[in-house]
N, C-alpha and C. Protein backbone atom coordinates (compact mmCIF):
# COMPACT_ATOMS: atom_id res chain seq x y z
N MET A 1 -107.80 -145.92 79.01
CA MET A 1 -107.37 -144.73 78.66
C MET A 1 -107.32 -144.81 77.24
N ASN A 2 -108.25 -144.23 76.62
CA ASN A 2 -108.48 -144.23 74.84
C ASN A 2 -107.43 -143.40 74.39
N HIS A 3 -106.44 -143.66 73.63
CA HIS A 3 -105.17 -142.65 73.12
C HIS A 3 -106.03 -142.47 71.17
N LYS A 4 -106.97 -143.10 71.17
CA LYS A 4 -107.01 -143.09 70.01
C LYS A 4 -107.72 -141.18 69.23
N ILE A 5 -106.97 -141.25 68.25
CA ILE A 5 -107.25 -139.74 67.60
C ILE A 5 -108.48 -139.36 66.71
N ASP A 6 -108.79 -138.56 66.74
CA ASP A 6 -110.15 -138.14 66.43
C ASP A 6 -109.66 -137.87 64.97
N THR A 7 -110.13 -138.33 63.56
CA THR A 7 -109.75 -138.26 62.46
C THR A 7 -111.16 -137.63 61.76
N SER A 8 -111.94 -137.34 62.24
CA SER A 8 -112.90 -137.25 61.61
C SER A 8 -113.40 -135.62 60.58
N ASN A 9 -112.51 -134.67 61.67
CA ASN A 9 -112.26 -133.33 60.93
C ASN A 9 -111.10 -133.22 59.58
N HIS A 10 -110.60 -134.58 59.58
CA HIS A 10 -109.53 -134.10 58.83
C HIS A 10 -109.75 -135.42 57.25
N SER A 11 -110.97 -136.13 57.26
CA SER A 11 -110.90 -136.99 56.50
C SER A 11 -111.35 -136.16 55.34
N THR A 12 -111.00 -136.76 54.06
CA THR A 12 -112.07 -136.03 53.04
C THR A 12 -113.38 -136.59 52.45
N SER A 13 -114.22 -135.86 51.98
CA SER A 13 -115.64 -136.25 51.71
C SER A 13 -115.64 -137.30 50.13
N PHE A 14 -116.09 -137.90 49.85
CA PHE A 14 -116.11 -138.67 48.40
C PHE A 14 -115.72 -137.79 47.68
N VAL A 15 -116.91 -136.93 47.49
CA VAL A 15 -116.80 -135.83 46.34
C VAL A 15 -115.57 -135.12 46.72
N GLU A 16 -114.64 -134.57 47.66
CA GLU A 16 -113.36 -134.25 47.95
C GLU A 16 -112.28 -134.73 47.13
N PHE A 17 -112.57 -136.16 47.91
CA PHE A 17 -111.41 -136.90 47.21
C PHE A 17 -111.57 -137.50 45.47
N VAL A 18 -112.48 -137.59 45.14
CA VAL A 18 -112.19 -137.75 43.68
C VAL A 18 -112.23 -135.64 42.98
N ALA A 19 -112.12 -134.79 43.70
CA ALA A 19 -112.38 -133.78 42.83
C ALA A 19 -110.76 -133.47 42.97
N MET A 20 -109.96 -133.57 44.43
CA MET A 20 -108.80 -133.72 44.42
C MET A 20 -107.77 -134.11 43.40
N MET A 21 -108.54 -136.17 43.21
CA MET A 21 -107.60 -136.48 41.99
C MET A 21 -108.03 -136.29 40.84
N ALA A 22 -109.11 -135.83 40.65
CA ALA A 22 -108.86 -135.39 39.29
C ALA A 22 -108.54 -134.21 38.60
N ILE A 23 -108.11 -133.29 39.69
CA ILE A 23 -107.17 -132.17 39.64
C ILE A 23 -105.78 -132.14 39.87
N MET A 24 -105.43 -132.99 40.01
CA MET A 24 -104.17 -133.62 40.19
C MET A 24 -103.79 -134.42 38.59
N THR A 25 -104.50 -135.10 38.49
CA THR A 25 -104.69 -135.73 37.10
C THR A 25 -104.79 -134.82 35.81
N SER A 26 -105.44 -134.27 35.82
CA SER A 26 -105.61 -133.38 34.91
C SER A 26 -104.59 -131.97 34.74
N LEU A 27 -103.89 -131.81 35.62
CA LEU A 27 -103.03 -130.88 35.40
C LEU A 27 -101.94 -130.76 34.23
N VAL A 28 -101.72 -132.57 34.22
CA VAL A 28 -101.07 -132.47 32.92
C VAL A 28 -101.81 -132.30 31.18
N ALA A 29 -102.67 -132.56 31.70
CA ALA A 29 -103.61 -132.30 30.05
C ALA A 29 -103.76 -130.67 30.07
N PHE A 30 -104.14 -129.73 31.42
CA PHE A 30 -103.81 -129.04 30.45
C PHE A 30 -102.71 -127.79 30.86
N THR A 31 -101.97 -128.60 31.41
CA THR A 31 -100.35 -128.10 31.40
C THR A 31 -99.71 -127.92 29.60
N ILE A 32 -100.70 -128.92 28.98
CA ILE A 32 -99.90 -129.32 27.56
C ILE A 32 -101.01 -128.47 27.24
N ASP A 33 -102.14 -128.57 27.06
CA ASP A 33 -102.70 -128.16 26.30
C ASP A 33 -102.97 -126.32 25.79
N ALA A 34 -103.53 -126.04 27.18
CA ALA A 34 -103.25 -124.84 27.85
C ALA A 34 -102.26 -123.94 26.46
N VAL A 35 -101.07 -124.19 26.27
CA VAL A 35 -100.39 -123.65 25.73
C VAL A 35 -100.32 -123.67 24.68
N LEU A 36 -101.10 -124.16 24.04
CA LEU A 36 -101.17 -124.78 22.20
C LEU A 36 -101.27 -123.55 21.52
N PRO A 37 -102.28 -122.65 21.92
CA PRO A 37 -102.76 -121.80 21.63
C PRO A 37 -101.24 -120.40 21.17
N ALA A 38 -100.57 -120.50 21.95
CA ALA A 38 -99.35 -119.59 22.32
C ALA A 38 -97.89 -119.87 21.65
N LEU A 39 -98.29 -121.33 21.23
CA LEU A 39 -96.86 -122.02 20.50
C LEU A 39 -95.98 -120.32 19.48
N SER A 40 -96.63 -120.60 18.27
CA SER A 40 -96.21 -119.39 17.73
C SER A 40 -95.84 -118.15 18.06
N PHE A 41 -96.43 -117.81 19.25
CA PHE A 41 -95.99 -116.32 20.21
C PHE A 41 -94.71 -117.03 20.71
N ILE A 42 -94.61 -117.84 21.51
CA ILE A 42 -93.71 -118.47 22.36
C ILE A 42 -92.35 -118.30 21.53
N GLY A 43 -92.48 -118.78 20.49
CA GLY A 43 -91.69 -118.97 19.18
C GLY A 43 -91.26 -117.88 18.92
N ASN A 44 -91.83 -116.59 18.12
CA ASN A 44 -91.39 -115.58 18.06
C ASN A 44 -90.67 -114.64 18.94
N ASP A 45 -91.46 -114.60 20.08
CA ASP A 45 -90.75 -113.98 21.33
C ASP A 45 -89.70 -114.34 21.91
N LEU A 46 -89.18 -115.65 21.75
CA LEU A 46 -88.02 -116.42 21.77
C LEU A 46 -86.99 -116.35 20.63
N ARG A 47 -87.52 -116.24 19.79
CA ARG A 47 -86.45 -116.00 18.05
C ARG A 47 -86.09 -116.80 18.19
N SER A 48 -87.07 -117.90 18.02
CA SER A 48 -87.36 -119.50 17.50
C SER A 48 -86.64 -119.70 16.02
N THR A 49 -85.73 -120.45 15.41
CA THR A 49 -85.02 -120.06 14.28
C THR A 49 -86.10 -121.31 12.93
N ASN A 50 -86.84 -122.24 13.77
CA ASN A 50 -87.50 -122.86 13.12
C ASN A 50 -89.06 -122.85 13.72
N PRO A 51 -90.14 -122.92 12.75
CA PRO A 51 -91.26 -122.71 13.77
C PRO A 51 -91.53 -124.45 14.04
N ASN A 52 -90.91 -125.41 13.44
CA ASN A 52 -91.21 -126.71 14.21
C ASN A 52 -90.32 -126.89 15.30
N HIS A 53 -89.52 -126.19 15.75
CA HIS A 53 -88.92 -126.04 17.31
C HIS A 53 -89.90 -125.43 18.33
N ASN A 54 -90.86 -125.08 18.00
CA ASN A 54 -91.98 -124.72 19.05
C ASN A 54 -92.84 -125.70 19.80
N GLN A 55 -93.07 -126.71 18.45
CA GLN A 55 -93.49 -127.95 19.40
C GLN A 55 -92.88 -128.86 19.95
N LEU A 56 -91.23 -128.76 20.37
CA LEU A 56 -90.64 -129.38 21.27
C LEU A 56 -91.17 -128.90 22.67
N LEU A 57 -92.19 -127.91 22.88
CA LEU A 57 -92.88 -127.36 24.34
C LEU A 57 -93.36 -128.53 24.74
N ILE A 58 -94.33 -129.00 23.56
CA ILE A 58 -95.18 -130.35 23.75
C ILE A 58 -94.31 -131.34 24.40
N SER A 59 -93.46 -132.06 23.76
CA SER A 59 -92.80 -132.73 23.25
C SER A 59 -91.92 -133.28 24.73
N MET A 60 -91.41 -131.64 25.36
CA MET A 60 -90.31 -131.85 26.53
C MET A 60 -91.57 -132.25 27.58
N VAL A 61 -92.38 -132.04 27.74
CA VAL A 61 -93.49 -132.34 29.10
C VAL A 61 -93.93 -133.71 29.26
N PHE A 62 -93.85 -134.32 27.44
CA PHE A 62 -94.28 -135.63 27.96
C PHE A 62 -92.83 -136.73 28.18
N ILE A 63 -91.88 -135.83 27.57
CA ILE A 63 -90.40 -136.51 28.25
C ILE A 63 -90.45 -136.47 29.22
N GLY A 64 -90.67 -135.61 30.40
CA GLY A 64 -90.61 -135.58 31.73
C GLY A 64 -91.30 -136.18 32.67
N LEU A 65 -92.82 -135.96 31.53
CA LEU A 65 -93.45 -137.10 32.53
C LEU A 65 -93.23 -138.26 32.42
N SER A 66 -93.04 -138.89 31.39
CA SER A 66 -93.14 -140.62 31.47
C SER A 66 -91.49 -141.16 32.24
N ILE A 67 -90.19 -140.00 32.35
CA ILE A 67 -89.28 -140.33 33.25
C ILE A 67 -89.82 -139.91 34.95
N GLY A 68 -90.55 -138.61 35.09
CA GLY A 68 -91.21 -138.40 36.09
C GLY A 68 -92.20 -139.85 36.75
N GLN A 69 -93.12 -139.87 36.06
CA GLN A 69 -93.71 -140.98 36.59
C GLN A 69 -92.88 -142.75 37.09
N ILE A 70 -92.01 -142.88 36.80
CA ILE A 70 -91.49 -144.17 36.91
C ILE A 70 -90.62 -143.46 38.31
N ILE A 71 -89.96 -142.28 37.87
CA ILE A 71 -89.34 -142.14 39.25
C ILE A 71 -89.99 -141.83 40.38
N SER A 72 -91.40 -141.53 40.17
CA SER A 72 -92.21 -140.89 41.43
C SER A 72 -93.32 -142.18 41.82
N GLY A 73 -93.38 -143.37 40.91
CA GLY A 73 -93.70 -144.43 41.04
C GLY A 73 -92.93 -145.38 42.39
N ALA A 74 -91.45 -145.40 41.99
CA ALA A 74 -90.97 -145.94 43.09
C ALA A 74 -90.53 -144.79 44.63
N ILE A 75 -90.39 -143.67 44.41
CA ILE A 75 -90.03 -143.16 45.45
C ILE A 75 -91.73 -143.36 46.14
N SER A 76 -92.77 -142.86 45.75
CA SER A 76 -94.22 -143.38 46.19
C SER A 76 -95.01 -144.62 47.35
N ASP A 77 -93.85 -145.29 46.47
CA ASP A 77 -94.40 -146.79 47.26
C ASP A 77 -93.46 -147.03 48.58
N SER A 78 -92.03 -146.53 48.36
CA SER A 78 -91.12 -146.59 49.62
C SER A 78 -91.15 -145.61 50.21
N PHE A 79 -91.81 -144.24 49.56
CA PHE A 79 -91.98 -143.40 51.00
C PHE A 79 -93.13 -142.62 51.03
N GLY A 80 -94.54 -142.90 50.46
CA GLY A 80 -95.75 -142.52 50.67
C GLY A 80 -95.77 -141.71 49.72
N ARG A 81 -97.40 -141.09 49.43
CA ARG A 81 -97.96 -141.02 48.66
C ARG A 81 -97.58 -138.89 48.45
N LYS A 82 -97.85 -138.86 49.66
CA LYS A 82 -97.79 -137.04 50.37
C LYS A 82 -96.27 -135.99 49.78
N ILE A 83 -95.68 -137.42 50.48
CA ILE A 83 -94.53 -136.74 49.88
C ILE A 83 -94.03 -136.58 48.08
N VAL A 84 -94.69 -137.29 47.68
CA VAL A 84 -94.33 -137.43 46.23
C VAL A 84 -95.46 -136.32 45.50
N VAL A 85 -96.22 -136.64 45.67
CA VAL A 85 -97.15 -135.13 45.51
C VAL A 85 -96.51 -133.73 45.67
N TYR A 86 -95.76 -133.82 47.10
CA TYR A 86 -95.18 -132.12 47.22
C TYR A 86 -94.22 -131.72 46.49
N TYR A 87 -93.20 -132.59 46.44
CA TYR A 87 -91.84 -132.49 45.73
C TYR A 87 -92.47 -132.40 44.25
N GLY A 88 -93.63 -133.42 43.73
CA GLY A 88 -93.67 -133.25 42.53
C GLY A 88 -94.32 -131.72 42.01
N MET A 89 -95.31 -131.26 42.81
CA MET A 89 -95.53 -129.89 42.76
C MET A 89 -94.90 -128.92 42.61
N GLY A 90 -93.87 -129.11 43.62
CA GLY A 90 -92.73 -128.23 44.01
C GLY A 90 -92.10 -128.12 42.53
N LEU A 91 -91.33 -129.21 41.82
CA LEU A 91 -90.52 -129.42 41.12
C LEU A 91 -91.63 -128.29 39.64
N PHE A 92 -93.04 -129.08 39.55
CA PHE A 92 -93.82 -128.66 38.87
C PHE A 92 -93.89 -127.16 38.46
N ILE A 93 -93.68 -126.25 39.74
CA ILE A 93 -93.85 -124.96 40.07
C ILE A 93 -92.54 -124.27 39.89
N LEU A 94 -91.45 -124.95 39.98
CA LEU A 94 -89.75 -124.51 39.63
C LEU A 94 -89.73 -124.70 37.93
N GLY A 95 -90.03 -125.35 37.39
CA GLY A 95 -90.16 -125.53 35.80
C GLY A 95 -90.70 -124.31 35.17
N THR A 96 -92.09 -124.18 35.89
CA THR A 96 -93.13 -123.09 35.39
C THR A 96 -92.42 -122.30 35.55
N LEU A 97 -92.21 -121.76 36.99
CA LEU A 97 -91.17 -120.30 36.77
C LEU A 97 -90.18 -119.92 35.86
N LEU A 98 -89.52 -121.02 35.67
CA LEU A 98 -88.27 -121.37 34.65
C LEU A 98 -88.58 -120.70 32.92
N CYS A 99 -90.34 -121.24 33.04
CA CYS A 99 -90.61 -120.99 31.55
C CYS A 99 -91.02 -119.33 31.43
N TYR A 100 -91.60 -118.93 32.51
CA TYR A 100 -92.11 -118.00 32.93
C TYR A 100 -91.02 -116.83 32.63
N ILE A 101 -89.80 -117.04 33.26
CA ILE A 101 -88.65 -115.65 33.06
C ILE A 101 -87.77 -116.38 31.62
N SER A 102 -88.15 -117.09 30.96
CA SER A 102 -87.27 -117.90 29.46
C SER A 102 -86.96 -116.72 28.86
N THR A 103 -85.89 -116.23 28.52
CA THR A 103 -85.50 -115.83 27.49
C THR A 103 -85.08 -116.23 25.91
N ASP A 104 -85.20 -117.60 26.41
CA ASP A 104 -84.71 -118.36 25.12
C ASP A 104 -85.08 -119.68 25.13
N MET A 105 -85.07 -120.25 23.82
CA MET A 105 -85.82 -121.39 23.67
C MET A 105 -84.92 -122.63 24.84
N PRO A 106 -84.05 -122.84 24.93
CA PRO A 106 -83.40 -123.62 25.64
C PRO A 106 -84.34 -124.04 27.38
N THR A 107 -83.70 -122.94 27.44
CA THR A 107 -84.39 -122.52 28.73
C THR A 107 -85.94 -122.99 29.36
N ILE A 108 -86.91 -122.70 28.09
CA ILE A 108 -87.98 -122.49 28.43
C ILE A 108 -88.51 -124.04 28.06
N LEU A 109 -87.51 -124.93 27.59
CA LEU A 109 -87.35 -126.22 27.10
C LEU A 109 -86.97 -127.09 28.13
N ALA A 110 -86.30 -126.35 28.96
CA ALA A 110 -85.73 -126.95 30.26
C ALA A 110 -86.73 -126.85 31.50
N GLY A 111 -87.23 -125.74 31.19
CA GLY A 111 -88.85 -125.47 32.45
C GLY A 111 -90.01 -126.39 31.87
N ARG A 112 -89.62 -126.45 30.66
CA ARG A 112 -91.11 -127.52 30.39
C ARG A 112 -91.05 -128.72 30.59
N LEU A 113 -89.52 -129.24 30.70
CA LEU A 113 -88.89 -130.77 31.29
C LEU A 113 -88.86 -130.75 32.54
N LEU A 114 -88.70 -129.83 33.14
CA LEU A 114 -89.20 -129.74 35.15
C LEU A 114 -90.59 -130.11 34.78
N GLN A 115 -91.39 -129.14 34.01
CA GLN A 115 -92.81 -129.32 34.40
C GLN A 115 -93.12 -130.64 34.51
N GLY A 116 -92.63 -131.77 33.35
CA GLY A 116 -93.09 -132.97 33.13
C GLY A 116 -92.48 -133.95 34.42
N LEU A 117 -91.26 -133.76 34.65
CA LEU A 117 -91.05 -134.11 35.74
C LEU A 117 -91.94 -134.01 37.09
N GLY A 118 -91.76 -133.08 37.09
CA GLY A 118 -93.00 -132.74 38.25
C GLY A 118 -94.08 -132.91 37.98
N LEU A 119 -94.90 -133.21 37.31
CA LEU A 119 -96.35 -133.76 37.16
C LEU A 119 -96.03 -135.38 37.16
N GLY A 120 -94.92 -135.85 36.95
CA GLY A 120 -95.22 -137.60 37.24
C GLY A 120 -95.60 -137.82 38.35
N GLY A 121 -95.41 -136.65 39.71
CA GLY A 121 -95.59 -137.29 40.94
C GLY A 121 -97.07 -137.80 41.46
N PRO A 122 -97.29 -135.94 41.37
CA PRO A 122 -99.37 -136.07 41.15
C PRO A 122 -100.24 -137.09 40.37
N ARG A 123 -99.56 -137.41 39.19
CA ARG A 123 -99.99 -137.80 38.23
C ARG A 123 -100.34 -139.70 38.92
N ILE A 124 -99.23 -139.76 39.38
CA ILE A 124 -98.76 -141.56 39.27
C ILE A 124 -99.51 -142.02 41.20
N ALA A 125 -99.04 -140.70 42.04
CA ALA A 125 -100.00 -140.63 43.29
C ALA A 125 -101.27 -141.03 43.26
N SER A 126 -101.81 -140.07 42.66
CA SER A 126 -103.00 -139.90 42.42
C SER A 126 -104.02 -140.91 42.51
N ILE A 127 -103.30 -142.09 40.65
CA ILE A 127 -103.70 -142.75 40.90
C ILE A 127 -103.41 -144.31 42.17
N ALA A 128 -102.46 -144.30 42.86
CA ALA A 128 -102.01 -144.69 43.49
C ALA A 128 -102.82 -144.53 44.77
N MET A 129 -103.42 -143.63 44.93
CA MET A 129 -104.29 -143.32 46.34
C MET A 129 -105.78 -143.58 45.92
N ILE A 130 -106.07 -143.74 44.64
CA ILE A 130 -107.59 -144.12 44.30
C ILE A 130 -107.37 -145.85 44.53
N ARG A 131 -106.10 -146.60 44.28
CA ARG A 131 -106.17 -148.07 44.10
C ARG A 131 -106.15 -148.22 45.68
N ASP A 132 -105.31 -147.61 46.29
CA ASP A 132 -104.88 -147.70 48.00
C ASP A 132 -106.26 -147.37 48.49
N LYS A 133 -107.73 -146.73 48.46
CA LYS A 133 -108.22 -146.36 49.37
C LYS A 133 -109.66 -147.08 48.79
N TYR A 134 -109.62 -147.90 47.67
CA TYR A 134 -111.01 -148.56 47.15
C TYR A 134 -110.29 -149.28 45.92
N VAL A 135 -111.59 -150.60 46.08
CA VAL A 135 -111.19 -151.39 45.21
C VAL A 135 -112.47 -152.07 44.34
N GLY A 136 -112.27 -152.82 43.54
CA GLY A 136 -113.78 -153.20 42.63
C GLY A 136 -114.20 -152.50 42.03
N ASP A 137 -115.63 -152.31 42.16
CA ASP A 137 -116.68 -151.28 41.62
C ASP A 137 -116.57 -149.75 42.14
N SER A 138 -116.00 -149.77 43.41
CA SER A 138 -115.75 -148.62 43.88
C SER A 138 -114.68 -147.40 43.28
N MET A 139 -113.83 -148.62 43.20
CA MET A 139 -112.57 -148.06 42.07
C MET A 139 -112.74 -147.40 41.23
N ALA A 140 -113.57 -148.92 40.28
CA ALA A 140 -113.79 -148.32 39.04
C ALA A 140 -114.81 -147.19 38.85
N ARG A 141 -115.38 -146.97 39.98
CA ARG A 141 -116.83 -145.64 39.97
C ARG A 141 -116.05 -144.07 40.13
N VAL A 142 -114.67 -144.76 41.01
CA VAL A 142 -113.88 -143.52 41.33
C VAL A 142 -113.02 -142.83 39.98
N MET A 143 -112.48 -143.99 39.59
CA MET A 143 -111.54 -143.57 38.10
C MET A 143 -112.67 -142.98 37.40
N SER A 144 -113.78 -143.71 36.66
CA SER A 144 -114.70 -143.02 35.37
C SER A 144 -114.39 -141.62 36.16
N PHE A 145 -115.18 -140.98 37.38
CA PHE A 145 -115.29 -139.84 37.59
C PHE A 145 -114.35 -139.03 37.19
N VAL A 146 -112.95 -139.63 37.57
CA VAL A 146 -111.98 -138.78 37.56
C VAL A 146 -111.16 -138.51 35.26
N MET A 147 -111.75 -139.79 35.29
CA MET A 147 -111.62 -139.51 33.89
C MET A 147 -112.24 -138.68 33.04
N VAL A 148 -113.81 -138.81 33.65
CA VAL A 148 -114.62 -137.98 33.15
C VAL A 148 -114.06 -136.61 32.69
N VAL A 149 -113.48 -135.69 34.36
CA VAL A 149 -112.57 -134.49 34.39
C VAL A 149 -111.23 -134.39 33.30
N PHE A 150 -110.58 -135.49 33.18
CA PHE A 150 -109.46 -135.66 32.29
C PHE A 150 -109.62 -135.42 31.09
N ILE A 151 -110.86 -136.29 30.58
CA ILE A 151 -111.18 -136.02 29.25
C ILE A 151 -111.97 -135.05 29.07
N PHE A 152 -112.47 -133.76 29.61
CA PHE A 152 -113.14 -132.43 29.44
C PHE A 152 -112.13 -131.45 29.23
N ILE A 153 -110.64 -132.29 29.87
CA ILE A 153 -109.90 -130.91 30.27
C ILE A 153 -109.01 -130.22 29.00
N PRO A 154 -108.94 -131.60 27.83
CA PRO A 154 -108.42 -131.20 26.61
C PRO A 154 -109.72 -130.53 25.86
N ALA A 155 -110.72 -130.17 26.11
CA ALA A 155 -111.29 -129.77 25.23
C ALA A 155 -111.58 -128.15 25.63
N ILE A 156 -111.20 -127.82 26.93
CA ILE A 156 -110.90 -126.32 27.21
C ILE A 156 -109.88 -126.04 27.50
N ALA A 157 -109.11 -126.66 27.55
CA ALA A 157 -107.72 -126.16 28.14
C ALA A 157 -106.79 -125.10 26.41
N PRO A 158 -107.46 -125.65 25.57
CA PRO A 158 -106.74 -124.31 24.19
C PRO A 158 -107.63 -123.32 24.69
N ALA A 159 -109.19 -123.48 24.74
CA ALA A 159 -109.53 -121.84 24.97
C ALA A 159 -109.76 -121.22 26.10
N ALA A 160 -108.95 -121.96 26.94
CA ALA A 160 -108.53 -121.14 28.15
C ALA A 160 -107.13 -120.76 28.06
N GLY A 161 -106.24 -121.03 27.10
CA GLY A 161 -105.19 -120.32 26.72
C GLY A 161 -104.91 -119.38 25.88
N GLN A 162 -106.35 -119.36 25.01
CA GLN A 162 -106.47 -118.51 24.06
C GLN A 162 -106.88 -117.20 24.85
N GLY A 163 -107.97 -117.65 26.24
CA GLY A 163 -108.63 -116.36 26.80
C GLY A 163 -107.31 -115.94 27.75
N LEU A 164 -106.51 -116.71 27.94
CA LEU A 164 -105.14 -116.12 28.77
C LEU A 164 -104.24 -114.92 27.69
N LEU A 165 -104.48 -115.83 26.32
CA LEU A 165 -103.48 -114.74 25.91
C LEU A 165 -104.02 -113.47 25.45
N ALA A 166 -105.80 -113.28 25.52
CA ALA A 166 -106.16 -111.85 25.26
C ALA A 166 -106.06 -110.92 26.35
N PHE A 167 -105.45 -111.33 27.40
CA PHE A 167 -105.38 -110.53 28.48
C PHE A 167 -104.11 -110.25 28.88
N GLY A 168 -102.91 -111.02 28.19
CA GLY A 168 -101.26 -110.90 28.48
C GLY A 168 -100.67 -111.61 27.44
N SER A 169 -99.54 -111.98 27.73
CA SER A 169 -98.45 -112.24 27.21
C SER A 169 -98.72 -114.12 27.08
N TRP A 170 -97.98 -114.42 26.25
CA TRP A 170 -97.64 -115.68 26.56
C TRP A 170 -97.21 -116.50 28.02
N ARG A 171 -96.77 -115.66 28.37
CA ARG A 171 -96.28 -115.94 30.40
C ARG A 171 -97.35 -115.85 30.74
N THR A 172 -98.41 -115.39 30.85
CA THR A 172 -99.53 -114.93 31.30
C THR A 172 -100.45 -116.97 31.52
N ILE A 173 -100.16 -117.60 31.10
CA ILE A 173 -100.48 -119.01 31.13
C ILE A 173 -99.76 -119.83 31.82
N PHE A 174 -98.30 -119.49 32.02
CA PHE A 174 -97.40 -119.96 32.84
C PHE A 174 -98.20 -119.43 34.31
N LEU A 175 -98.16 -118.23 34.27
CA LEU A 175 -98.56 -117.28 35.35
C LEU A 175 -99.91 -118.50 36.05
N SER A 176 -100.67 -118.83 35.00
CA SER A 176 -101.82 -119.89 35.40
C SER A 176 -101.55 -121.05 35.96
N PHE A 177 -100.83 -121.33 35.63
CA PHE A 177 -100.26 -122.87 35.90
C PHE A 177 -100.17 -122.83 37.26
N ILE A 178 -99.13 -121.72 38.03
CA ILE A 178 -98.73 -121.60 39.21
C ILE A 178 -100.27 -121.98 40.39
N ILE A 179 -101.14 -120.44 39.36
CA ILE A 179 -102.30 -120.11 40.43
C ILE A 179 -102.95 -121.43 40.65
C-alpha cells in the first residue's frame, strides 16, 4: 500500500516562488520608502516639536529590522520558516495598525519599531527558503530575480506614497501596508 501524499497541487512554480520571495523581501523597502512623502504631514498632524524627529519614523524601522532579523533567524532555524513568516507578518500588521491609529509621535514610533521587528521574519525567512531550495547557479539566479524587484521598489514606493496622499491622509499609506 502506497502512503505517499500527492503534493503536486500544493507545490509552487518557479515564477510563484520567486514572486513570493521578492514580495517578502521588498516589503521592507516599500514600508520605508512609501512613507517618505508623508513625513512632514505626519509630523504636523501628530504635533511633532522638531521636524528632525519625523526622520525617526525611518530609523525605527531599521532598528526593529536589525533586531527582528537576529531573533527571526534563530527561530527560523529552530522551528521552521513558515512560523517565522506568519508571526513576522502578524507583528508587522499589529505595528501598522498602531501607526494607523496613532495620535502622537511616541505611539507611531512604537508602531514603526514593531513593523521593523515583524519585517525581520519574512526578510530572513525568504533568504533562508531560497538557500533551502536552491544551490549554486540556481540559487544565484533566484536571488538575482529577487534583487531586481528589491531594487525597483525604492524607485516606485515614494511615488506610490505620494499617490496615496493624493487620495487620502498619511494614514492611507499605512492602510495600504496591510492590504
